[in-house]
Amino acid sequence: MEELKRRNTQLEEQLKDFKEKEKVLRTELERTRMRLHFIEEAEERLCCQMGELEAEAVAQARVYQQHVKELSDQLTAALGLLRSTNSVIS
């Protein structure tokens, strides 16, 4: 009988320990879930920002490309004028 009481006491202590550990793990799990939620929100914000930056970069590249084309056209016109002037002088 004493052995059963002793064993019962041990089991009760183990159960208490397991319940405490479970509580700690549940708290840790909840903290981890919250961190994950914040990380997912941050990831979404970063994706939006990256999309906006990419769109801005494309727009700037188009403006730059148009500017280069205009300068190239001006250079071609200037060279043509220069050649025609040299032809007249020669």
C-alpha atoms as a PDB file:
ATOM      1  CA  MET A   1       0.000   0.000   0.000  1.00  0.00           C
ATOM      2  CA  GLU A   2       2.814   2.402   0.891  1.00  0.00           C
ATOM      3  CA  GLU A   3       4.434   1.596  -2.437  1.00  0.00           C
ATOM      4  CA  LEU A   4       1.225   2.555  -4.255  1.00  0.00           C
ATOM      5  CA  LYS A   5       0.970   5.832  -2.350  1.00  0.00           C
ATOM      6  CA  ARG A   6       4.586   6.624  -3.106  1.00  0.00           C
ATOM      7  CA  ARG A   7       4.088   5.776  -6.767  1.00  0.00           C
ATOM      8  CA  ASN A   8       0.915   7.863  -6.889  1.00  0.00           C
ATOM      9  CA  THR A   9       2.760  10.826  -5.394  1.00  0.00           C
ATOM     10  CA  GLN A  10       5.514  10.440  -7.984  1.00  0.00           C
ATOM     11  CA  LEU A  11       2.969  10.320 -10.792  1.00  0.00           C
ATOM     12  CA  GLU A  12       1.195  13.399  -9.451  1.00  0.00           C
ATOM     13  CA  GLU A  13       4.500  15.271  -9.330  1.00  0.00           C
ATOM     14  CA  GLN A  14       5.310  14.201 -12.858  1.00  0.00           C
ATOM     15  CA  LEU A  15       1.875  15.305 -14.010  1.00  0.00           C
ATOM     16  CA  LYS A  16       2.364  18.680 -12.345  1.00  0.00           C
ATOM     17  CA  ASP A  17       5.776  19.061 -14.023  1.00  0.00           C
ATOM     18  CA  PHE A  18       4.341  18.106 -17.405  1.00  0.00           C
ATOM     19  CA  LYS A  19       1.499  20.601 -17.009  1.00  0.00           C
ATOM     20  CA  GLU A  20       3.967  23.365 -16.140  1.00  0.00           C
ATOM     21  CA  LYS A  21       6.132  22.486 -19.125  1.00  0.00           C
ATOM     22  CA  GLU A  22       3.051  22.370 -21.347  1.00  0.00           C
ATOM     23  CA  LYS A  23       2.033  25.842 -20.156  1.00  0.00           C
ATOM     24  CA  VAL A  24       5.511  27.192 -20.893  1.00  0.00           C
ATOM     25  CA  LEU A  25       5.502  25.564 -24.338  1.00  0.00           C
ATOM     26  CA  ARG A  26       2.036  26.926 -25.137  1.00  0.00           C
ATOM     27  CA  THR A  27       3.171  30.422 -24.178  1.00  0.00           C
ATOM     28  CA  GLU A  28       6.271  30.039 -26.324  1.00  0.00           C
ATOM     29  CA  LEU A  29       4.154  28.712 -29.198  1.00  0.00           C
ATOM     30  CA  GLU A  30       1.848  31.726 -28.971  1.00  0.00           C
ATOM     31  CA  ARG A  31       4.829  34.105 -28.999  1.00  0.00           C
ATOM     32  CA  THR A  32       6.202  32.284 -32.018  1.00  0.00           C
ATOM     33  CA  ARG A  33       2.848  32.554 -33.799  1.00  0.00           C
ATOM     34  CA  MET A  34       2.756  36.286 -33.120  1.00  0.00           C
ATOM     35  CA  ARG A  35       6.307  36.737 -34.408  1.00  0.00           C
ATOM     36  CA  LEU A  36       5.373  34.765 -37.516  1.00  0.00           C
ATOM     37  CA  HIS A  37       2.333  36.994 -38.039  1.00  0.00           C
ATOM     38  CA  PHE A  38       4.478  40.137 -37.758  1.00  0.00           C
ATOM     39  CA  ILE A  39       7.067  38.653 -40.107  1.00  0.00           C
ATOM     40  CA  GLU A  40       4.395  37.802 -42.672  1.00  0.00           C
ATOM     41  CA  GLU A  41       3.045  41.368 -42.496  1.00  0.00           C
ATOM     42  CA  ALA A  42       6.551  42.758 -42.906  1.00  0.00           C
ATOM     43  CA  GLU A  43       7.129  40.471 -45.888  1.00  0.00           C
ATOM     44  CA  GLU A  44       3.929  41.758 -47.511  1.00  0.00           C
ATOM     45  CA  ARG A  45       5.003  45.364 -46.969  1.00  0.00           C
ATOM     46  CA  LEU A  46       8.434  44.640 -48.431  1.00  0.00           C
ATOM     47  CA  CYS A  47       6.892  42.968 -51.477  1.00  0.00           C
ATOM     48  CA  CYS A  48       4.681  46.013 -52.053  1.00  0.00           C
ATOM     49  CA  GLN A  49       7.630  48.346 -51.676  1.00  0.00           C
ATOM     50  CA  MET A  50       9.716  46.239 -54.048  1.00  0.00           C
ATOM     51  CA  GLY A  51       6.899  46.310 -56.603  1.00  0.00           C
ATOM     52  CA  GLU A  52       6.653  50.091 -56.320  1.00  0.00           C
ATOM     53  CA  LEU A  53      10.432  50.459 -56.655  1.00  0.00           C
ATOM     54  CA  GLU A  54      10.480  48.164 -59.665  1.00  0.00           C
ATOM     55  CA  ALA A  55       7.722  50.187 -61.347  1.00  0.00           C
ATOM     56  CA  GLU A  56       9.613  53.404 -60.594  1.00  0.00           C
ATOM     57  CA  ALA A  57      12.850  51.919 -61.963  1.00  0.00           C
ATOM     58  CA  VAL A  58      11.102  50.879 -65.179  1.00  0.00           C
ATOM     59  CA  ALA A  59       9.631  54.366 -65.574  1.00  0.00           C
ATOM     60  CA  GLN A  60      13.035  55.983 -64.989  1.00  0.00           C
ATOM     61  CA  ALA A  61      14.652  53.593 -67.460  1.00  0.00           C
ATOM     62  CA  ARG A  62      12.087  54.563 -70.093  1.00  0.00           C
ATOM     63  CA  VAL A  63      12.706  58.267 -69.492  1.00  0.00           C
ATOM     64  CA  TYR A  64      16.465  57.719 -69.668  1.00  0.00           C
ATOM     65  CA  GLN A  65      16.127  55.642 -72.840  1.00  0.00           C
ATOM     66  CA  GLN A  66      13.990  58.364 -74.436  1.00  0.00           C
ATOM     67  CA  HIS A  67      16.565  60.990 -73.432  1.00  0.00           C
ATOM     68  CA  VAL A  68      19.383  58.927 -74.946  1.00  0.00           C
ATOM     69  CA  LYS A  69      17.356  58.522 -78.164  1.00  0.00           C
ATOM     70  CA  GLU A  70      16.745  62.285 -78.351  1.00  0.00           C
ATOM     71  CA  LEU A  71      20.456  62.980 -77.838  1.00  0.00           C
ATOM     72  CA  SER A  72      21.333  60.381 -80.457  1.00  0.00           C
ATOM     73  CA  ASP A  73      18.892  61.974 -82.915  1.00  0.00           C
ATOM     74  CA  GLN A  74      20.396  65.406 -82.218  1.00  0.00           C
ATOM     75  CA  LEU A  75      23.885  64.036 -82.764  1.00  0.00           C
ATOM     76  CA  THR A  76      22.836  62.403 -86.022  1.00  0.00           C
ATOM     77  CA  ALA A  77      21.281  65.675 -87.194  1.00  0.00           C
ATOM     78  CA  ALA A  78      24.375  67.648 -86.174  1.00  0.00           C
ATOM     79  CA  LEU A  79      26.662  65.206 -87.974  1.00  0.00           C
ATOM     80  CA  GLY A  80      24.455  65.398 -91.065  1.00  0.00           C
ATOM     81  CA  LEU A  81      24.562  69.190 -90.951  1.00  0.00           C
ATOM     82  CA  LEU A  82      28.327  69.107 -90.461  1.00  0.00           C
ATOM     83  CA  ARG A  83      28.763  66.750 -93.436  1.00  0.00           C
ATOM     84  CA  SER A  84      26.561  68.836 -95.635  1.00  0.00           C
ATOM     85  CA  THR A  85      28.471  71.974 -94.608  1.00  0.00           C
ATOM     86  CA  ASN A  86      31.782  70.243 -95.365  1.00  0.00           C
ATOM     87  CA  SER A  87      30.430  69.158 -98.770  1.00  0.00           C
ATOM     88  CA  VAL A  88      29.485  72.723 -99.624  1.00  0.00           C
ATOM     89  CA  ILE A  89      32.894  74.083 -98.512  1.00  0.00           C
ATOM     90  CA  SER A  90      34.871  71.436-100.423  1.00  0.00           C
END
